[in-house]
Structures are given as structure tokens and as C-alpha cells.
């Protein structure tokens, strides 16, 4: 069975995507801050599950 999704359930700008992907910020926090728009209720919570990792991002480089 093929399911085609034509309408987005969640939209974010580049900064929001980078914060979630590289910075360890949760999607629901971005939605609360107005950086992400949920087009379907619960989309941010679902994205949190999809992007969940065991360890938080860490950079060993100090400036």
C-alpha cells in the first residue's frame, strides 16, 4: 500500500530544522516558541519521537 502525503503536517524554517537536527532542541519546544507550525495536532510530538536519540549532541571543542 502506498500512501501519498501531499500536505505538510509540520513546517519549519532552516533555523528551526537546524536546531532540532544539530542542536538537540525538541520539536515541541520549537512549536511552543513559534519556530515550527503544526498543521496536524500532535505533529511536533511525533517528530520528537522520530528525532529521538540516546545521547544529546556534544562538541568536545572549546573556544
PDB file of N, CA and C in Angstrom:
ATOM      1  N   UNK A   1       0.836  -1.175   0.000  1.00  0.00           N
ATOM      2  CA  UNK A   1       0.000   0.000   0.000  1.00  0.00           C
ATOM      3  C   UNK A   1       0.882   1.240   0.000  1.00  0.00           C
ATOM      4  N   UNK A   2       0.613   2.157  -0.880  1.00  0.00           N
ATOM      5  CA  UNK A   2       1.366   3.404  -0.974  1.00  0.00           C
ATOM      6  C   UNK A   2       0.478   4.528  -0.482  1.00  0.00           C
ATOM      7  N   UNK A   3       1.012   5.312   0.446  1.00  0.00           N
ATOM      8  CA  UNK A   3       0.281   6.454   0.979  1.00  0.00           C
ATOM      9  C   UNK A   3       0.999   7.708   0.527  1.00  0.00           C
ATOM     10  N   UNK A   4       0.304   8.572  -0.165  1.00  0.00           N
ATOM     11  CA  UNK A   4       0.893   9.832  -0.632  1.00  0.00           C
ATOM     12  C   UNK A   4       0.468  10.955   0.297  1.00  0.00           C
ATOM     13  N   UNK A   5       1.439  11.661   0.807  1.00  0.00           N
ATOM     14  CA  UNK A   5       1.158  12.811   1.663  1.00  0.00           C
ATOM     15  C   UNK A   5       1.419  14.054   0.834  1.00  0.00           C
ATOM     16  N   UNK A   6       0.374  14.812   0.608  1.00  0.00           N
ATOM     17  CA  UNK A   6       0.525  15.996  -0.222  1.00  0.00           C
ATOM     18  C   UNK A   6       0.593  17.269   0.604  1.00  0.00           C
ATOM     19  N   UNK A   7       0.009  17.241   1.786  1.00  0.00           N
ATOM     20  CA  UNK A   7       0.030  18.417   2.641  1.00  0.00           C
ATOM     21  C   UNK A   7       0.993  18.191   3.798  1.00  0.00           C
ATOM     22  N   UNK A   8       1.798  19.191   4.133  1.00  0.00           N
ATOM     23  CA  UNK A   8       2.734  19.015   5.248  1.00  0.00           C
ATOM     24  C   UNK A   8       1.991  18.930   6.573  1.00  0.00           C
ATOM     25  N   UNK A   9       2.521  18.158   7.499  1.00  0.00           N
ATOM     26  CA  UNK A   9       1.936  18.111   8.830  1.00  0.00           C
ATOM     27  C   UNK A   9       2.722  19.002   9.802  1.00  0.00           C
ATOM     28  N   UNK A  10       3.930  19.403   9.369  1.00  0.00           N
ATOM     29  CA  UNK A  10       4.799  20.226  10.200  1.00  0.00           C
ATOM     30  C   UNK A  10       5.690  21.040   9.273  1.00  0.00           C
ATOM     31  N   UNK A  11       5.819  22.317   9.526  1.00  0.00           N
ATOM     32  CA  UNK A  11       6.742  23.130   8.726  1.00  0.00           C
ATOM     33  C   UNK A  11       7.681  23.888   9.652  1.00  0.00           C
ATOM     34  N   UNK A  12       8.909  24.034   9.178  1.00  0.00           N
ATOM     35  CA  UNK A  12       9.933  24.760   9.929  1.00  0.00           C
ATOM     36  C   UNK A  12      10.845  25.463   8.940  1.00  0.00           C
ATOM     37  N   UNK A  13      11.423  26.571   9.372  1.00  0.00           N
ATOM     38  CA  UNK A  13      12.419  27.230   8.531  1.00  0.00           C
ATOM     39  C   UNK A  13      13.766  26.534   8.752  1.00  0.00           C
ATOM     40  N   UNK A  14      14.776  27.013   8.070  1.00  0.00           N
ATOM     41  CA  UNK A  14      16.098  26.385   8.147  1.00  0.00           C
ATOM     42  C   UNK A  14      16.657  26.415   9.563  1.00  0.00           C
ATOM     43  N   UNK A  15      16.468  27.520  10.262  1.00  0.00           N
ATOM     44  CA  UNK A  15      16.981  27.637  11.626  1.00  0.00           C
ATOM     45  C   UNK A  15      16.290  26.643  12.564  1.00  0.00           C
ATOM     46  N   UNK A  16      14.995  26.471  12.407  1.00  0.00           N
ATOM     47  CA  UNK A  16      14.270  25.518  13.237  1.00  0.00           C
ATOM     48  C   UNK A  16      14.701  24.088  12.975  1.00  0.00           C
ATOM     49  N   UNK A  17      14.878  23.750  11.704  1.00  0.00           N
ATOM     50  CA  UNK A  17      15.342  22.411  11.348  1.00  0.00           C
ATOM     51  C   UNK A  17      16.745  22.168  11.895  1.00  0.00           C
ATOM     52  N   UNK A  18      17.620  23.144  11.767  1.00  0.00           N
ATOM     53  CA  UNK A  18      18.985  23.004  12.279  1.00  0.00           C
ATOM     54  C   UNK A  18      18.991  22.849  13.791  1.00  0.00           C
ATOM     55  N   UNK A  19      18.137  23.593  14.483  1.00  0.00           N
ATOM     56  CA  UNK A  19      18.075  23.488  15.947  1.00  0.00           C
ATOM     57  C   UNK A  19      17.649  22.097  16.376  1.00  0.00           C
ATOM     58  N   UNK A  20      16.693  21.516  15.675  1.00  0.00           N
ATOM     59  CA  UNK A  20      16.230  20.173  16.026  1.00  0.00           C
ATOM     60  C   UNK A  20      17.239  19.110  15.611  1.00  0.00           C
ATOM     61  N   UNK A  21      17.821  19.266  14.437  1.00  0.00           N
ATOM     62  CA  UNK A  21      18.706  18.238  13.899  1.00  0.00           C
ATOM     63  C   UNK A  21      20.101  18.285  14.526  1.00  0.00           C
ATOM     64  N   UNK A  22      20.646  19.473  14.702  1.00  0.00           N
ATOM     65  CA  UNK A  22      22.023  19.607  15.188  1.00  0.00           C
ATOM     66  C   UNK A  22      22.128  20.043  16.637  1.00  0.00           C
ATOM     67  N   UNK A  23      21.135  20.773  17.108  1.00  0.00           N
ATOM     68  CA  UNK A  23      21.247  21.358  18.434  1.00  0.00           C
ATOM     69  C   UNK A  23      20.580  20.591  19.545  1.00  0.00           C
ATOM     70  N   UNK A  24      19.832  19.541  19.219  1.00  0.00           N
ATOM     71  CA  UNK A  24      19.193  18.759  20.256  1.00  0.00           C
ATOM     72  C   UNK A  24      17.933  19.391  20.818  1.00  0.00           C
ATOM     73  N   UNK A  25      17.408  20.408  20.167  1.00  0.00           N
ATOM     74  CA  UNK A  25      16.177  21.057  20.610  1.00  0.00           C
ATOM     75  C   UNK A  25      14.985  20.203  20.204  1.00  0.00           C
ATOM     76  N   UNK A  26      14.030  20.058  21.083  1.00  0.00           N
ATOM     77  CA  UNK A  26      12.841  19.259  20.779  1.00  0.00           C
ATOM     78  C   UNK A  26      11.874  20.036  19.892  1.00  0.00           C
ATOM     79  N   UNK A  27      11.195  19.310  19.016  1.00  0.00           N
ATOM     80  CA  UNK A  27      10.229  19.923  18.097  1.00  0.00           C
ATOM     81  C   UNK A  27       9.101  20.602  18.848  1.00  0.00           C
ATOM     82  N   UNK A  28       8.646  20.000  19.941  1.00  0.00           N
ATOM     83  CA  UNK A  28       7.534  20.617  20.674  1.00  0.00           C
ATOM     84  C   UNK A  28       7.954  21.939  21.297  1.00  0.00           C
ATOM     85  N   UNK A  29       9.210  22.068  21.677  1.00  0.00           N
ATOM     86  CA  UNK A  29       9.694  23.343  22.213  1.00  0.00           C
ATOM     87  C   UNK A  29       9.760  24.396  21.108  1.00  0.00           C
ATOM     88  N   UNK A  30      10.176  23.977  19.918  1.00  0.00           N
ATOM     89  CA  UNK A  30      10.190  24.896  18.784  1.00  0.00           C
ATOM     90  C   UNK A  30       8.773  25.339  18.429  1.00  0.00           C
ATOM     91  N   UNK A  31       7.810  24.429  18.530  1.00  0.00           N
ATOM     92  CA  UNK A  31       6.417  24.781  18.244  1.00  0.00           C
ATOM     93  C   UNK A  31       5.896  25.776  19.277  1.00  0.00           C
ATOM     94  N   UNK A  32       6.221  25.559  20.541  1.00  0.00           N
ATOM     95  CA  UNK A  32       5.796  26.490  21.587  1.00  0.00           C
ATOM     96  C   UNK A  32       6.411  27.868  21.413  1.00  0.00           C
ATOM     97  N   UNK A  33       7.620  27.912  20.862  1.00  0.00           N
ATOM     98  CA  UNK A  33       8.311  29.189  20.636  1.00  0.00           C
ATOM     99  C   UNK A  33       7.881  29.859  19.336  1.00  0.00           C
ATOM    100  N   UNK A  34       7.035  29.192  18.555  1.00  0.00           N
ATOM    101  CA  UNK A  34       6.570  29.763  17.299  1.00  0.00           C
ATOM    102  C   UNK A  34       7.537  29.578  16.144  1.00  0.00           C
ATOM    103  N   UNK A  35       8.528  28.715  16.300  1.00  0.00           N
ATOM    104  CA  UNK A  35       9.517  28.464  15.249  1.00  0.00           C
ATOM    105  C   UNK A  35       9.088  27.358  14.297  1.00  0.00           C
ATOM    106  N   UNK A  36       8.073  26.587  14.697  1.00  0.00           N
ATOM    107  CA  UNK A  36       7.550  25.477  13.908  1.00  0.00           C
ATOM    108  C   UNK A  36       6.031  25.602  13.886  1.00  0.00           C
ATOM    109  N   UNK A  37       5.441  25.267  12.760  1.00  0.00           N
ATOM    110  CA  UNK A  37       3.987  25.293  12.640  1.00  0.00           C
ATOM    111  C   UNK A  37       3.463  23.874  12.491  1.00  0.00           C
ATOM    112  N   UNK A  38       2.560  23.487  13.381  1.00  0.00           N
ATOM    113  CA  UNK A  38       1.909  22.185  13.295  1.00  0.00           C
ATOM    114  C   UNK A  38       0.649  22.328  12.440  1.00  0.00           C
ATOM    115  N   UNK A  39       0.567  21.570  11.377  1.00  0.00           N
ATOM    116  CA  UNK A  39      -0.619  21.581  10.532  1.00  0.00           C
ATOM    117  C   UNK A  39      -1.570  20.451  10.913  1.00  0.00           C
ATOM    118  N   UNK A  40      -1.101  19.559  11.757  1.00  0.00           N
ATOM    119  CA  UNK A  40      -1.914  18.469  12.284  1.00  0.00           C
ATOM    120  C   UNK A  40      -1.588  18.360  13.771  1.00  0.00           C
ATOM    121  N   UNK A  41      -2.596  18.341  14.635  1.00  0.00           N
ATOM    122  CA  UNK A  41      -2.332  18.238  16.075  1.00  0.00           C
ATOM    123  C   UNK A  41      -1.456  17.024  16.402  1.00  0.00           C
ATOM    124  N   UNK A  42      -0.455  17.253  17.231  1.00  0.00           N
ATOM    125  CA  UNK A  42       0.441  16.173  17.631  1.00  0.00           C
ATOM    126  C   UNK A  42       1.619  15.943  16.705  1.00  0.00           C
ATOM    127  N   UNK A  43       1.748  16.745  15.654  1.00  0.00           N
ATOM    128  CA  UNK A  43       2.843  16.551  14.695  1.00  0.00           C
ATOM    129  C   UNK A  43       4.205  16.796  15.339  1.00  0.00           C
ATOM    130  N   UNK A  44       4.298  17.784  16.217  1.00  0.00           N
ATOM    131  CA  UNK A  44       5.582  18.069  16.877  1.00  0.00           C
ATOM    132  C   UNK A  44       5.970  16.923  17.806  1.00  0.00           C
ATOM    133  N   UNK A  45       5.004  16.369  18.516  1.00  0.00           N
ATOM    134  CA  UNK A  45       5.286  15.232  19.398  1.00  0.00           C
ATOM    135  C   UNK A  45       5.743  14.021  18.586  1.00  0.00           C
ATOM    136  N   UNK A  46       5.120  13.796  17.435  1.00  0.00           N
ATOM    137  CA  UNK A  46       5.528  12.693  16.566  1.00  0.00           C
ATOM    138  C   UNK A  46       6.940  12.923  16.039  1.00  0.00           C
ATOM    139  N   UNK A  47       7.273  14.158  15.693  1.00  0.00           N
ATOM    140  CA  UNK A  47       8.624  14.475  15.219  1.00  0.00           C
ATOM    141  C   UNK A  47       9.646  14.281  16.332  1.00  0.00           C
ATOM    142  N   UNK A  48       9.263  14.582  17.580  1.00  0.00           N
ATOM    143  CA  UNK A  48      10.170  14.331  18.712  1.00  0.00           C
ATOM    144  C   UNK A  48      10.549  12.865  18.785  1.00  0.00           C
ATOM    145  N   UNK A  49       9.592  11.986  18.570  1.00  0.00           N
ATOM    146  CA  UNK A  49       9.862  10.548  18.612  1.00  0.00           C
ATOM    147  C   UNK A  49      10.777  10.148  17.456  1.00  0.00           C
ATOM    148  N   UNK A  50      10.536  10.694  16.277  1.00  0.00           N
ATOM    149  CA  UNK A  50      11.354  10.351  15.103  1.00  0.00           C
ATOM    150  C   UNK A  50      12.790  10.823  15.242  1.00  0.00           C
ATOM    151  N   UNK A  51      13.007  11.966  15.882  1.00  0.00           N
ATOM    152  CA  UNK A  51      14.348  12.536  16.014  1.00  0.00           C
ATOM    153  C   UNK A  51      15.023  12.170  17.333  1.00  0.00           C
ATOM    154  N   UNK A  52      14.394  11.328  18.146  1.00  0.00           N
ATOM    155  CA  UNK A  52      14.929  10.979  19.448  1.00  0.00           C
ATOM    156  C   UNK A  52      16.226  10.179  19.322  1.00  0.00           C
ATOM    157  N   UNK A  53      17.192  10.535  20.138  1.00  0.00           N
ATOM    158  CA  UNK A  53      18.483   9.825  20.176  1.00  0.00           C
ATOM    159  C   UNK A  53      18.814   9.481  21.624  1.00  0.00           C
ATOM    160  N   UNK A  54      19.703   8.517  21.808  1.00  0.00           N
ATOM    161  CA  UNK A  54      20.080   8.106  23.158  1.00  0.00           C
ATOM    162  C   UNK A  54      20.963   9.138  23.853  1.00  0.00           C
ATOM    163  N   UNK A  55      21.826   9.800  23.093  1.00  0.00           N
ATOM    164  CA  UNK A  55      22.734  10.775  23.680  1.00  0.00           C
ATOM    165  C   UNK A  55      22.519  12.135  23.041  1.00  0.00           C
ATOM    166  N   UNK A  56      22.637  13.164  23.851  1.00  0.00           N
ATOM    167  CA  UNK A  56      22.481  14.529  23.346  1.00  0.00           C
ATOM    168  C   UNK A  56      23.726  14.950  22.577  1.00  0.00           C
ATOM    169  N   UNK A  57      23.578  15.889  21.643  1.00  0.00           N
ATOM    170  CA  UNK A  57      24.739  16.370  20.886  1.00  0.00           C
ATOM    171  C   UNK A  57      25.792  16.958  21.825  1.00  0.00           C
ATOM    172  N   UNK A  58      27.047  16.727  21.482  1.00  0.00           N
ATOM    173  CA  UNK A  58      28.141  17.253  22.296  1.00  0.00           C
ATOM    174  C   UNK A  58      29.314  17.566  21.383  1.00  0.00           C
ATOM    175  N   UNK A  59      29.875  18.734  21.586  1.00  0.00           N
ATOM    176  CA  UNK A  59      31.078  19.114  20.857  1.00  0.00           C
ATOM    177  C   UNK A  59      32.217  19.201  21.856  1.00  0.00           C
ATOM    178  N   UNK A  60      33.274  18.460  21.617  1.00  0.00           N
ATOM    179  CA  UNK A  60      34.405  18.463  22.529  1.00  0.00           C
ATOM    180  C   UNK A  60      35.363  19.616  22.293  1.00  0.00           C
ATOM    181  N   UNK A  61      35.022  20.507  21.378  1.00  0.00           N
ATOM    182  CA  UNK A  61      35.885  21.643  21.070  1.00  0.00           C
ATOM    183  C   UNK A  61      35.482  22.847  21.921  1.00  0.00           C
ATOM    184  N   UNK A  62      36.438  23.421  22.598  1.00  0.00           N
ATOM    185  CA  UNK A  62      36.154  24.607  23.406  1.00  0.00           C
ATOM    186  C   UNK A  62      36.843  25.807  22.785  1.00  0.00           C
ATOM    187  N   UNK A  63      36.181  26.936  22.827  1.00  0.00           N
ATOM    188  CA  UNK A  63      36.755  28.154  22.258  1.00  0.00           C
ATOM    189  C   UNK A  63      37.250  29.053  23.354  1.00  0.00           C
TER     190      UNK A  63
END
